[in-house]
Amino acid sequence: MADDKRHVLVCTNVDCLARGSQGVLEAMRERVEGSGPADVEVSSYCCFGGCDYGPNVVLYPAKVFYSGVKPADVDPIVAQLEGGPVIERLTGKVDDMTQELIFELLDAGLV
């Protein structure tokens, strides 16, 4: 992912999808395209490996891994993209090794 855009990646694999990730993805796209930061791209992602904790959302290149995200969390996430704080209640559920692997894959451009 070597570009100048920031990315909001929403897992849409089976487990996250069953927990409502499609609604998160749609709400995030609508919010960012409506009045969110212009340098942010919202995309679906195949899997982050945190299936038990989804829906999972990764902010990249900020390297923030959110789990248990609901459509109601979209506004606070966009606020973070606009300079607000990390939403601590959505972090720390997926083990550090899994998170680091995802970030390494994203750093390598494997999306």
PDB file of N, CA and C in Angstrom:
ATOM      1  N   MET A   1       0.833  -1.186   0.000  1.00  0.00           N
ATOM      2  CA  MET A   1       0.000   0.000   0.000  1.00  0.00           C
ATOM      3  C   MET A   1       0.874   1.244   0.000  1.00  0.00           C
ATOM      4  N   ALA A   2       1.651   1.376  -0.997  1.00  0.00           N
ATOM      5  CA  ALA A   2       2.540   2.527  -1.056  1.00  0.00           C
ATOM      6  C   ALA A   2       1.866   3.652  -1.841  1.00  0.00           C
ATOM      7  N   ASP A   3       1.031   4.407  -1.176  1.00  0.00           N
ATOM      8  CA  ASP A   3       0.439   5.584  -1.784  1.00  0.00           C
ATOM      9  C   ASP A   3       0.237   6.642  -0.707  1.00  0.00           C
ATOM     10  N   ASP A   4      -0.286   7.775  -1.103  1.00  0.00           N
ATOM     11  CA  ASP A   4      -0.425   8.878  -0.158  1.00  0.00           C
ATOM     12  C   ASP A   4      -1.756   8.869   0.581  1.00  0.00           C
ATOM     13  N   LYS A   5      -2.629   7.958   0.239  1.00  0.00           N
ATOM     14  CA  LYS A   5      -3.925   7.890   0.910  1.00  0.00           C
ATOM     15  C   LYS A   5      -3.817   7.156   2.232  1.00  0.00           C
ATOM     16  N   ARG A   6      -4.725   7.524   3.123  1.00  0.00           N
ATOM     17  CA  ARG A   6      -4.907   6.730   4.341  1.00  0.00           C
ATOM     18  C   ARG A   6      -6.047   5.764   4.046  1.00  0.00           C
ATOM     19  N   HIS A   7      -6.008   4.617   4.705  1.00  0.00           N
ATOM     20  CA  HIS A   7      -6.971   3.574   4.397  1.00  0.00           C
ATOM     21  C   HIS A   7      -7.731   3.130   5.647  1.00  0.00           C
ATOM     22  N   VAL A   8      -9.019   2.915   5.440  1.00  0.00           N
ATOM     23  CA  VAL A   8      -9.864   2.256   6.431  1.00  0.00           C
ATOM     24  C   VAL A   8     -10.239   0.939   5.775  1.00  0.00           C
ATOM     25  N   LEU A   9      -9.742  -0.150   6.338  1.00  0.00           N
ATOM     26  CA  LEU A   9      -9.970  -1.485   5.793  1.00  0.00           C
ATOM     27  C   LEU A   9     -10.932  -2.238   6.706  1.00  0.00           C
ATOM     28  N   VAL A  10     -12.030  -2.677   6.135  1.00  0.00           N
ATOM     29  CA  VAL A  10     -13.074  -3.365   6.901  1.00  0.00           C
ATOM     30  C   VAL A  10     -13.119  -4.817   6.452  1.00  0.00           C
ATOM     31  N   CYS A  11     -12.915  -5.733   7.393  1.00  0.00           N
ATOM     32  CA  CYS A  11     -12.968  -7.157   7.062  1.00  0.00           C
ATOM     33  C   CYS A  11     -14.388  -7.533   6.656  1.00  0.00           C
ATOM     34  N   THR A  12     -14.480  -8.245   5.524  1.00  0.00           N
ATOM     35  CA  THR A  12     -15.789  -8.716   5.063  1.00  0.00           C
ATOM     36  C   THR A  12     -15.773 -10.222   4.827  1.00  0.00           C
ATOM     37  N   ASN A  13     -14.901 -10.923   5.568  1.00  0.00           N
ATOM     38  CA  ASN A  13     -14.894 -12.375   5.485  1.00  0.00           C
ATOM     39  C   ASN A  13     -16.057 -12.934   6.313  1.00  0.00           C
ATOM     40  N   VAL A  14     -16.248 -14.222   6.269  1.00  0.00           N
ATOM     41  CA  VAL A  14     -17.435 -14.889   6.811  1.00  0.00           C
ATOM     42  C   VAL A  14     -17.781 -14.490   8.243  1.00  0.00           C
ATOM     43  N   ASP A  15     -16.838 -14.597   9.179  1.00  0.00           N
ATOM     44  CA  ASP A  15     -17.144 -14.314  10.584  1.00  0.00           C
ATOM     45  C   ASP A  15     -17.481 -12.846  10.813  1.00  0.00           C
ATOM     46  N   CYS A  16     -16.675 -11.955  10.259  1.00  0.00           N
ATOM     47  CA  CYS A  16     -16.957 -10.523  10.434  1.00  0.00           C
ATOM     48  C   CYS A  16     -18.258 -10.143   9.734  1.00  0.00           C
ATOM     49  N   LEU A  17     -18.492 -10.724   8.570  1.00  0.00           N
ATOM     50  CA  LEU A  17     -19.724 -10.454   7.836  1.00  0.00           C
ATOM     51  C   LEU A  17     -20.938 -10.877   8.665  1.00  0.00           C
ATOM     52  N   ALA A  18     -20.844 -12.045   9.295  1.00  0.00           N
ATOM     53  CA  ALA A  18     -21.945 -12.540  10.129  1.00  0.00           C
ATOM     54  C   ALA A  18     -22.193 -11.646  11.342  1.00  0.00           C
ATOM     55  N   ARG A  19     -21.168 -10.914  11.749  1.00  0.00           N
ATOM     56  CA  ARG A  19     -21.287 -10.017  12.905  1.00  0.00           C
ATOM     57  C   ARG A  19     -21.614  -8.576  12.501  1.00  0.00           C
ATOM     58  N   GLY A  20     -21.840  -8.342  11.208  1.00  0.00           N
ATOM     59  CA  GLY A  20     -22.306  -7.027  10.790  1.00  0.00           C
ATOM     60  C   GLY A  20     -21.304  -6.138  10.094  1.00  0.00           C
ATOM     61  N   SER A  21     -20.229  -6.704   9.552  1.00  0.00           N
ATOM     62  CA  SER A  21     -19.218  -5.846   8.932  1.00  0.00           C
ATOM     63  C   SER A  21     -19.712  -5.130   7.674  1.00  0.00           C
ATOM     64  N   GLN A  22     -20.690  -5.704   6.979  1.00  0.00           N
ATOM     65  CA  GLN A  22     -21.209  -5.028   5.788  1.00  0.00           C
ATOM     66  C   GLN A  22     -21.850  -3.689   6.169  1.00  0.00           C
ATOM     67  N   GLY A  23     -22.570  -3.667   7.288  1.00  0.00           N
ATOM     68  CA  GLY A  23     -23.159  -2.422   7.772  1.00  0.00           C
ATOM     69  C   GLY A  23     -22.098  -1.414   8.183  1.00  0.00           C
ATOM     70  N   VAL A  24     -21.011  -1.903   8.777  1.00  0.00           N
ATOM     71  CA  VAL A  24     -19.893  -1.024   9.155  1.00  0.00           C
ATOM     72  C   VAL A  24     -19.261  -0.440   7.896  1.00  0.00           C
ATOM     73  N   LEU A  25     -19.013  -1.293   6.910  1.00  0.00           N
ATOM     74  CA  LEU A  25     -18.398  -0.853   5.659  1.00  0.00           C
ATOM     75  C   LEU A  25     -19.263   0.208   4.977  1.00  0.00           C
ATOM     76  N   GLU A  26     -20.547  -0.050   4.873  1.00  0.00           N
ATOM     77  CA  GLU A  26     -21.455   0.903   4.217  1.00  0.00           C
ATOM     78  C   GLU A  26     -21.526   2.225   4.966  1.00  0.00           C
ATOM     79  N   ALA A  27     -21.630   2.159   6.299  1.00  0.00           N
ATOM     80  CA  ALA A  27     -21.692   3.382   7.101  1.00  0.00           C
ATOM     81  C   ALA A  27     -20.396   4.175   6.991  1.00  0.00           C
ATOM     82  N   MET A  28     -19.258   3.471   6.982  1.00  0.00           N
ATOM     83  CA  MET A  28     -17.962   4.136   6.879  1.00  0.00           C
ATOM     84  C   MET A  28     -17.814   4.803   5.517  1.00  0.00           C
ATOM     85  N   ARG A  29     -18.181   4.097   4.460  1.00  0.00           N
ATOM     86  CA  ARG A  29     -18.091   4.690   3.117  1.00  0.00           C
ATOM     87  C   ARG A  29     -18.971   5.934   3.014  1.00  0.00           C
ATOM     88  N   GLU A  30     -20.194   5.812   3.490  1.00  0.00           N
ATOM     89  CA  GLU A  30     -21.123   6.936   3.422  1.00  0.00           C
ATOM     90  C   GLU A  30     -20.583   8.148   4.185  1.00  0.00           C
ATOM     91  N   ARG A  31     -20.054   7.909   5.362  1.00  0.00           N
ATOM     92  CA  ARG A  31     -19.556   9.004   6.216  1.00  0.00           C
ATOM     93  C   ARG A  31     -18.311   9.646   5.620  1.00  0.00           C
ATOM     94  N   VAL A  32     -17.358   8.835   5.165  1.00  0.00           N
ATOM     95  CA  VAL A  32     -16.116   9.374   4.620  1.00  0.00           C
ATOM     96  C   VAL A  32     -16.372  10.081   3.288  1.00  0.00           C
ATOM     97  N   GLU A  33     -17.189   9.484   2.431  1.00  0.00           N
ATOM     98  CA  GLU A  33     -17.478  10.105   1.139  1.00  0.00           C
ATOM     99  C   GLU A  33     -18.331  11.360   1.306  1.00  0.00           C
ATOM    100  N   GLY A  34     -19.144  11.409   2.375  1.00  0.00           N
ATOM    101  CA  GLY A  34     -19.999  12.560   2.600  1.00  0.00           C
ATOM    102  C   GLY A  34     -19.248  13.770   3.113  1.00  0.00           C
ATOM    103  N   SER A  35     -18.637  13.626   4.265  1.00  0.00           N
ATOM    104  CA  SER A  35     -17.980  14.789   4.871  1.00  0.00           C
ATOM    105  C   SER A  35     -16.689  14.420   5.595  1.00  0.00           C
ATOM    106  N   GLY A  36     -16.132  13.285   5.260  1.00  0.00           N
ATOM    107  CA  GLY A  36     -14.904  12.856   5.923  1.00  0.00           C
ATOM    108  C   GLY A  36     -13.662  13.410   5.257  1.00  0.00           C
ATOM    109  N   PRO A  37     -12.502  13.044   5.767  1.00  0.00           N
ATOM    110  CA  PRO A  37     -11.241  13.522   5.204  1.00  0.00           C
ATOM    111  C   PRO A  37     -11.078  13.061   3.748  1.00  0.00           C
ATOM    112  N   ALA A  38     -10.636  13.953   2.890  1.00  0.00           N
ATOM    113  CA  ALA A  38     -10.524  13.670   1.458  1.00  0.00           C
ATOM    114  C   ALA A  38      -9.429  12.657   1.129  1.00  0.00           C
ATOM    115  N   ASP A  39      -8.451  12.505   2.015  1.00  0.00           N
ATOM    116  CA  ASP A  39      -7.327  11.608   1.732  1.00  0.00           C
ATOM    117  C   ASP A  39      -7.532  10.201   2.289  1.00  0.00           C
ATOM    118  N   VAL A  40      -8.780   9.855   2.619  1.00  0.00           N
ATOM    119  CA  VAL A  40      -9.079   8.543   3.200  1.00  0.00           C
ATOM    120  C   VAL A  40      -9.872   7.708   2.200  1.00  0.00           C
ATOM    121  N   GLU A  41      -9.421   6.472   2.018  1.00  0.00           N
ATOM    122  CA  GLU A  41     -10.119   5.521   1.157  1.00  0.00           C
ATOM    123  C   GLU A  41     -10.652   4.386   2.029  1.00  0.00           C
ATOM    124  N   VAL A  42     -11.904   4.044   1.848  1.00  0.00           N
ATOM    125  CA  VAL A  42     -12.541   2.962   2.599  1.00  0.00           C
ATOM    126  C   VAL A  42     -12.662   1.754   1.675  1.00  0.00           C
ATOM    127  N   SER A  43     -12.186   0.589   2.149  1.00  0.00           N
ATOM    128  CA  SER A  43     -12.202  -0.618   1.332  1.00  0.00           C
ATOM    129  C   SER A  43     -12.551  -1.830   2.185  1.00  0.00           C
ATOM    130  N   SER A  44     -13.091  -2.844   1.521  1.00  0.00           N
ATOM    131  CA  SER A  44     -13.267  -4.123   2.204  1.00  0.00           C
ATOM    132  C   SER A  44     -11.926  -4.847   2.173  1.00  0.00           C
ATOM    133  N   TYR A  45     -11.739  -5.773   3.111  1.00  0.00           N
ATOM    134  CA  TYR A  45     -10.503  -6.541   3.200  1.00  0.00           C
ATOM    135  C   TYR A  45     -10.879  -7.995   3.433  1.00  0.00           C
ATOM    136  N   CYS A  46     -10.077  -8.915   2.899  1.00  0.00           N
ATOM    137  CA  CYS A  46     -10.459 -10.331   2.922  1.00  0.00           C
ATOM    138  C   CYS A  46     -10.454 -10.957   4.315  1.00  0.00           C
ATOM    139  N   CYS A  47      -9.471 -10.665   5.159  1.00  0.00           N
ATOM    140  CA  CYS A  47      -9.439 -11.222   6.510  1.00  0.00           C
ATOM    141  C   CYS A  47      -8.227 -10.690   7.265  1.00  0.00           C
ATOM    142  N   PHE A  48      -8.434 -10.358   8.532  1.00  0.00           N
ATOM    143  CA  PHE A  48      -7.336  -9.891   9.383  1.00  0.00           C
ATOM    144  C   PHE A  48      -6.890 -10.950  10.379  1.00  0.00           C
ATOM    145  N   GLY A  49      -7.586 -12.081  10.454  1.00  0.00           N
ATOM    146  CA  GLY A  49      -7.192 -13.139  11.363  1.00  0.00           C
ATOM    147  C   GLY A  49      -7.687 -12.971  12.789  1.00  0.00           C
ATOM    148  N   GLY A  50      -8.536 -12.004  13.032  1.00  0.00           N
ATOM    149  CA  GLY A  50      -9.105 -11.805  14.365  1.00  0.00           C
ATOM    150  C   GLY A  50     -10.573 -12.178  14.378  1.00  0.00           C
ATOM    151  N   CYS A  51     -10.876 -13.306  13.767  1.00  0.00           N
ATOM    152  CA  CYS A  51     -12.263 -13.706  13.487  1.00  0.00           C
ATOM    153  C   CYS A  51     -13.171 -13.732  14.718  1.00  0.00           C
ATOM    154  N   ASP A  52     -12.636 -14.107  15.854  1.00  0.00           N
ATOM    155  CA  ASP A  52     -13.452 -14.204  17.071  1.00  0.00           C
ATOM    156  C   ASP A  52     -13.848 -12.846  17.634  1.00  0.00           C
ATOM    157  N   TYR A  53     -13.241 -11.775  17.105  1.00  0.00           N
ATOM    158  CA  TYR A  53     -13.443 -10.453  17.703  1.00  0.00           C
ATOM    159  C   TYR A  53     -14.071  -9.440  16.752  1.00  0.00           C
ATOM    160  N   GLY A  54     -14.474  -9.878  15.576  1.00  0.00           N
ATOM    161  CA  GLY A  54     -14.980  -8.958  14.561  1.00  0.00           C
ATOM    162  C   GLY A  54     -16.323  -8.347  14.894  1.00  0.00           C
ATOM    163  N   PRO A  55     -16.718  -7.454  14.045  1.00  0.00           N
ATOM    164  CA  PRO A  55     -16.061  -6.957  12.856  1.00  0.00           C
ATOM    165  C   PRO A  55     -14.773  -6.203  13.167  1.00  0.00           C
ATOM    166  N   ASN A  56     -13.760  -6.473  12.329  1.00  0.00           N
ATOM    167  CA  ASN A  56     -12.455  -5.857  12.499  1.00  0.00           C
ATOM    168  C   ASN A  56     -12.229  -4.781  11.450  1.00  0.00           C
ATOM    169  N   VAL A  57     -11.620  -3.696  11.890  1.00  0.00           N
ATOM    170  CA  VAL A  57     -11.309  -2.558  11.021  1.00  0.00           C
ATOM    171  C   VAL A  57      -9.878  -2.141  11.311  1.00  0.00           C
ATOM    172  N   VAL A  58      -9.104  -1.923  10.248  1.00  0.00           N
ATOM    173  CA  VAL A  58      -7.725  -1.469  10.395  1.00  0.00           C
ATOM    174  C   VAL A  58      -7.586  -0.100   9.735  1.00  0.00           C
ATOM    175  N   LEU A  59      -6.948   0.811  10.455  1.00  0.00           N
ATOM    176  CA  LEU A  59      -6.590   2.112   9.903  1.00  0.00           C
ATOM    177  C   LEU A  59      -5.124   2.028   9.513  1.00  0.00           C
ATOM    178  N   TYR A  60      -4.848   2.319   8.252  1.00  0.00           N
ATOM    179  CA  TYR A  60      -3.498   2.205   7.738  1.00  0.00           C
ATOM    180  C   TYR A  60      -3.169   3.449   6.927  1.00  0.00           C
ATOM    181  N   PRO A  61      -2.026   4.043   7.098  1.00  0.00           N
ATOM    182  CA  PRO A  61      -0.809   3.565   7.739  1.00  0.00           C
ATOM    183  C   PRO A  61      -0.704   3.853   9.237  1.00  0.00           C
ATOM    184  N   ALA A  62      -1.773   4.323   9.849  1.00  0.00           N
ATOM    185  CA  ALA A  62      -1.724   4.616  11.290  1.00  0.00           C
ATOM    186  C   ALA A  62      -1.482   3.360  12.121  1.00  0.00           C
ATOM    187  N   LYS A  63      -1.777   2.184  11.552  1.00  0.00           N
ATOM    188  CA  LYS A  63      -1.594   0.898  12.224  1.00  0.00           C
ATOM    189  C   LYS A  63      -2.412   0.799  13.507  1.00  0.00           C
ATOM    190  N   VAL A  64      -3.685   1.067  13.349  1.00  0.00           N
ATOM    191  CA  VAL A  64      -4.639   0.910  14.442  1.00  0.00           C
ATOM    192  C   VAL A  64      -5.561  -0.241  14.064  1.00  0.00           C
ATOM    193  N   PHE A  65      -5.723  -1.202  14.967  1.00  0.00           N
ATOM    194  CA  PHE A  65      -6.520  -2.404  14.737  1.00  0.00           C
ATOM    195  C   PHE A  65      -7.708  -2.363  15.685  1.00  0.00           C
ATOM    196  N   TYR A  66      -8.891  -2.170  15.127  1.00  0.00           N
ATOM    197  CA  TYR A  66     -10.116  -2.118  15.922  1.00  0.00           C
ATOM    198  C   TYR A  66     -10.895  -3.417  15.772  1.00  0.00           C
ATOM    199  N   SER A  67     -11.491  -3.870  16.861  1.00  0.00           N
ATOM    200  CA  SER A  67     -12.325  -5.078  16.851  1.00  0.00           C
ATOM    201  C   SER A  67     -13.660  -4.793  17.512  1.00  0.00           C
ATOM    202  N   GLY A  68     -14.670  -5.577  17.109  1.00  0.00           N
ATOM    203  CA  GLY A  68     -16.002  -5.393  17.665  1.00  0.00           C
ATOM    204  C   GLY A  68     -16.646  -4.096  17.211  1.00  0.00           C
ATOM    205  N   VAL A  69     -16.291  -3.655  16.009  1.00  0.00           N
ATOM    206  CA  VAL A  69     -16.772  -2.372  15.496  1.00  0.00           C
ATOM    207  C   VAL A  69     -18.225  -2.490  15.056  1.00  0.00           C
ATOM    208  N   LYS A  70     -18.988  -1.476  15.385  1.00  0.00           N
ATOM    209  CA  LYS A  70     -20.396  -1.378  14.996  1.00  0.00           C
ATOM    210  C   LYS A  70     -20.593  -0.100  14.190  1.00  0.00           C
ATOM    211  N   PRO A  71     -21.673  -0.013  13.418  1.00  0.00           N
ATOM    212  CA  PRO A  71     -21.918   1.223  12.672  1.00  0.00           C
ATOM    213  C   PRO A  71     -21.898   2.471  13.556  1.00  0.00           C
ATOM    214  N   ALA A  72     -22.301   2.352  14.800  1.00  0.00           N
ATOM    215  CA  ALA A  72     -22.285   3.498  15.720  1.00  0.00           C
ATOM    216  C   ALA A  72     -20.868   3.977  16.032  1.00  0.00           C
ATOM    217  N   ASP A  73     -19.864   3.143  15.738  1.00  0.00           N
ATOM    218  CA  ASP A  73     -18.468   3.524  15.982  1.00  0.00           C
ATOM    219  C   ASP A  73     -17.863   4.314  14.829  1.00  0.00           C
ATOM    220  N   VAL A  74     -18.580   4.448  13.733  1.00  0.00           N
ATOM    221  CA  VAL A  74     -18.040   5.117  12.557  1.00  0.00           C
ATOM    222  C   VAL A  74     -17.672   6.572  12.849  1.00  0.00           C
ATOM    223  N   ASP A  75     -18.552   7.322  13.480  1.00  0.00           N
ATOM    224  CA  ASP A  75     -18.244   8.735  13.755  1.00  0.00           C
ATOM    225  C   ASP A  75     -17.001   8.889  14.642  1.00  0.00           C
ATOM    226  N   PRO A  76     -16.853   8.124  15.733  1.00  0.00           N
ATOM    227  CA  PRO A  76     -15.617   8.242  16.511  1.00  0.00           C
ATOM    228  C   PRO A  76     -14.366   7.839  15.725  1.00  0.00           C
ATOM    229  N   ILE A  77     -14.487   6.865  14.824  1.00  0.00           N
ATOM    230  CA  ILE A  77     -13.339   6.468  14.008  1.00  0.00           C
ATOM    231  C   ILE A  77     -12.976   7.595  13.039  1.00  0.00           C
ATOM    232  N   VAL A  78     -13.964   8.200  12.419  1.00  0.00           N
ATOM    233  CA  VAL A  78     -13.701   9.326  11.521  1.00  0.00           C
ATOM    234  C   VAL A  78     -13.105  10.493  12.315  1.00  0.00           C
ATOM    235  N   ALA A  79     -13.582  10.699  13.529  1.00  0.00           N
ATOM    236  CA  ALA A  79     -13.006  11.751  14.381  1.00  0.00           C
ATOM    237  C   ALA A  79     -11.529  11.470  14.633  1.00  0.00           C
ATOM    238  N   GLN A  80     -11.168  10.200  14.822  1.00  0.00           N
ATOM    239  CA  GLN A  80      -9.757   9.861  14.987  1.00  0.00           C
ATOM    240  C   GLN A  80      -8.978  10.193  13.724  1.00  0.00           C
ATOM    241  N   LEU A  81      -9.545   9.876  12.567  1.00  0.00           N
ATOM    242  CA  LEU A  81      -8.889  10.193  11.300  1.00  0.00           C
ATOM    243  C   LEU A  81      -8.669  11.698  11.138  1.00  0.00           C
ATOM    244  N   GLU A  82      -9.502  12.464  11.799  1.00  0.00           N
ATOM    245  CA  GLU A  82      -9.395  13.925  11.734  1.00  0.00           C
ATOM    246  C   GLU A  82      -8.549  14.488  12.868  1.00  0.00           C
ATOM    247  N   GLY A  83      -7.819  13.623  13.569  1.00  0.00           N
ATOM    248  CA  GLY A  83      -6.898  14.074  14.604  1.00  0.00           C
ATOM    249  C   GLY A  83      -7.304  13.739  16.024  1.00  0.00           C
ATOM    250  N   GLY A  84      -8.421  13.050  16.195  1.00  0.00           N
ATOM    251  CA  GLY A  84      -8.886  12.676  17.530  1.00  0.00           C
ATOM    252  C   GLY A  84      -8.135  11.479  18.082  1.00  0.00           C
ATOM    253  N   PRO A  85      -8.500  11.072  19.289  1.00  0.00           N
ATOM    254  CA  PRO A  85      -7.797   9.967  19.947  1.00  0.00           C
ATOM    255  C   PRO A  85      -8.191   8.590  19.411  1.00  0.00           C
ATOM    256  N   VAL A  86      -7.309   7.627  19.651  1.00  0.00           N
ATOM    257  CA  VAL A  86      -7.615   6.224  19.376  1.00  0.00           C
ATOM    258  C   VAL A  86      -8.764   5.816  20.291  1.00  0.00           C
ATOM    259  N   ILE A  87      -9.653   4.991  19.808  1.00  0.00           N
ATOM    260  CA  ILE A  87     -10.802   4.531  20.590  1.00  0.00           C
ATOM    261  C   ILE A  87     -10.377   3.266  21.337  1.00  0.00           C
ATOM    262  N   GLU A  88      -9.921   3.458  22.555  1.00  0.00           N
ATOM    263  CA  GLU A  88      -9.307   2.376  23.334  1.00  0.00           C
ATOM    264  C   GLU A  88     -10.223   1.172  23.535  1.00  0.00           C
ATOM    265  N   ARG A  89     -11.522   1.388  23.686  1.00  0.00           N
ATOM    266  CA  ARG A  89     -12.440   0.262  23.934  1.00  0.00           C
ATOM    267  C   ARG A  89     -12.523  -0.702  22.750  1.00  0.00           C
ATOM    268  N   LEU A  90     -12.048  -0.286  21.578  1.00  0.00           N
ATOM    269  CA  LEU A  90     -12.075  -1.139  20.394  1.00  0.00           C
ATOM    270  C   LEU A  90     -10.721  -1.769  20.091  1.00  0.00           C
ATOM    271  N   THR A  91      -9.709  -1.492  20.921  1.00  0.00           N
ATOM    272  CA  THR A  91      -8.367  -2.026  20.673  1.00  0.00           C
ATOM    273  C   THR A  91      -8.016  -3.120  21.680  1.00  0.00           C
ATOM    274  N   GLY A  92      -6.930  -3.834  21.381  1.00  0.00           N
ATOM    275  CA  GLY A  92      -6.356  -4.787  22.326  1.00  0.00           C
ATOM    276  C   GLY A  92      -7.048  -6.129  22.422  1.00  0.00           C
ATOM    277  N   LYS A  93      -7.964  -6.431  21.520  1.00  0.00           N
ATOM    278  CA  LYS A  93      -8.665  -7.722  21.583  1.00  0.00           C
ATOM    279  C   LYS A  93      -7.922  -8.799  20.806  1.00  0.00           C
ATOM    280  N   VAL A  94      -7.311  -8.420  19.692  1.00  0.00           N
ATOM    281  CA  VAL A  94      -6.570  -9.354  18.854  1.00  0.00           C
ATOM    282  C   VAL A  94      -5.113  -9.340  19.304  1.00  0.00           C
ATOM    283  N   ASP A  95      -4.493 -10.527  19.362  1.00  0.00           N
ATOM    284  CA  ASP A  95      -3.124 -10.629  19.876  1.00  0.00           C
ATOM    285  C   ASP A  95      -2.139  -9.811  19.039  1.00  0.00           C
ATOM    286  N   ASP A  96      -1.077  -9.370  19.696  1.00  0.00           N
ATOM    287  CA  ASP A  96      -0.083  -8.505  19.066  1.00  0.00           C
ATOM    288  C   ASP A  96       0.565  -9.151  17.846  1.00  0.00           C
ATOM    289  N   MET A  97       0.807 -10.456  17.898  1.00  0.00           N
ATOM    290  CA  MET A  97       1.462 -11.139  16.789  1.00  0.00           C
ATOM    291  C   MET A  97       0.600 -11.070  15.518  1.00  0.00           C
ATOM    292  N   THR A  98      -0.697 -11.290  15.661  1.00  0.00           N
ATOM    293  CA  THR A  98      -1.609 -11.204  14.514  1.00  0.00           C
ATOM    294  C   THR A  98      -1.635  -9.788  13.963  1.00  0.00           C
ATOM    295  N   GLN A  99      -1.715  -8.810  14.852  1.00  0.00           N
ATOM    296  CA  GLN A  99      -1.725  -7.422  14.397  1.00  0.00           C
ATOM    297  C   GLN A  99      -0.450  -7.080  13.646  1.00  0.00           C
ATOM    298  N   GLU A 100       0.695  -7.464  14.188  1.00  0.00           N
ATOM    299  CA  GLU A 100       1.965  -7.159  13.537  1.00  0.00           C
ATOM    300  C   GLU A 100       2.073  -7.827  12.171  1.00  0.00           C
ATOM    301  N   LEU A 101       1.580  -9.057  12.051  1.00  0.00           N
ATOM    302  CA  LEU A 101       1.596  -9.747  10.766  1.00  0.00           C
ATOM    303  C   LEU A 101       0.771  -8.975   9.737  1.00  0.00           C
ATOM    304  N   ILE A 102      -0.413  -8.533  10.129  1.00  0.00           N
ATOM    305  CA  ILE A 102      -1.263  -7.753   9.221  1.00  0.00           C
ATOM    306  C   ILE A 102      -0.556  -6.471   8.808  1.00  0.00           C
ATOM    307  N   PHE A 103       0.033  -5.774   9.759  1.00  0.00           N
ATOM    308  CA  PHE A 103       0.724  -4.523   9.430  1.00  0.00           C
ATOM    309  C   PHE A 103       1.917  -4.779   8.504  1.00  0.00           C
ATOM    310  N   GLU A 104       2.642  -5.882   8.721  1.00  0.00           N
ATOM    311  CA  GLU A 104       3.768  -6.220   7.839  1.00  0.00           C
ATOM    312  C   GLU A 104       3.282  -6.514   6.422  1.00  0.00           C
ATOM    313  N   LEU A 105       2.157  -7.234   6.296  1.00  0.00           N
ATOM    314  CA  LEU A 105       1.589  -7.511   4.983  1.00  0.00           C
ATOM    315  C   LEU A 105       1.172  -6.223   4.279  1.00  0.00           C
ATOM    316  N   LEU A 106       0.546  -5.335   5.030  1.00  0.00           N
ATOM    317  CA  LEU A 106       0.129  -4.053   4.457  1.00  0.00           C
ATOM    318  C   LEU A 106       1.351  -3.215   4.064  1.00  0.00           C
ATOM    319  N   ASP A 107       2.383  -3.208   4.911  1.00  0.00           N
ATOM    320  CA  ASP A 107       3.615  -2.493   4.593  1.00  0.00           C
ATOM    321  C   ASP A 107       4.253  -3.020   3.312  1.00  0.00           C
ATOM    322  N   ALA A 108       4.129  -4.324   3.091  1.00  0.00           N
ATOM    323  CA  ALA A 108       4.711  -4.952   1.912  1.00  0.00           C
ATOM    324  C   ALA A 108       3.842  -4.764   0.669  1.00  0.00           C
ATOM    325  N   GLY A 109       2.675  -4.185   0.855  1.00  0.00           N
ATOM    326  CA  GLY A 109       1.790  -3.947  -0.273  1.00  0.00           C
ATOM    327  C   GLY A 109       0.868  -5.102  -0.597  1.00  0.00           C
ATOM    328  N   LEU A 110       0.775  -6.078   0.283  1.00  0.00           N
ATOM    329  CA  LEU A 110      -0.081  -7.232   0.068  1.00  0.00           C
ATOM    330  C   LEU A 110      -1.467  -6.964   0.623  1.00  0.00           C
ATOM    331  N   VAL A 111      -2.321  -6.523  -0.244  1.00  0.00           N
ATOM    332  CA  VAL A 111      -3.697  -6.206   0.181  1.00  0.00           C
ATOM    333  C   VAL A 111      -4.687  -7.095  -0.491  1.00  0.00           C
TER     334      VAL A 111
END
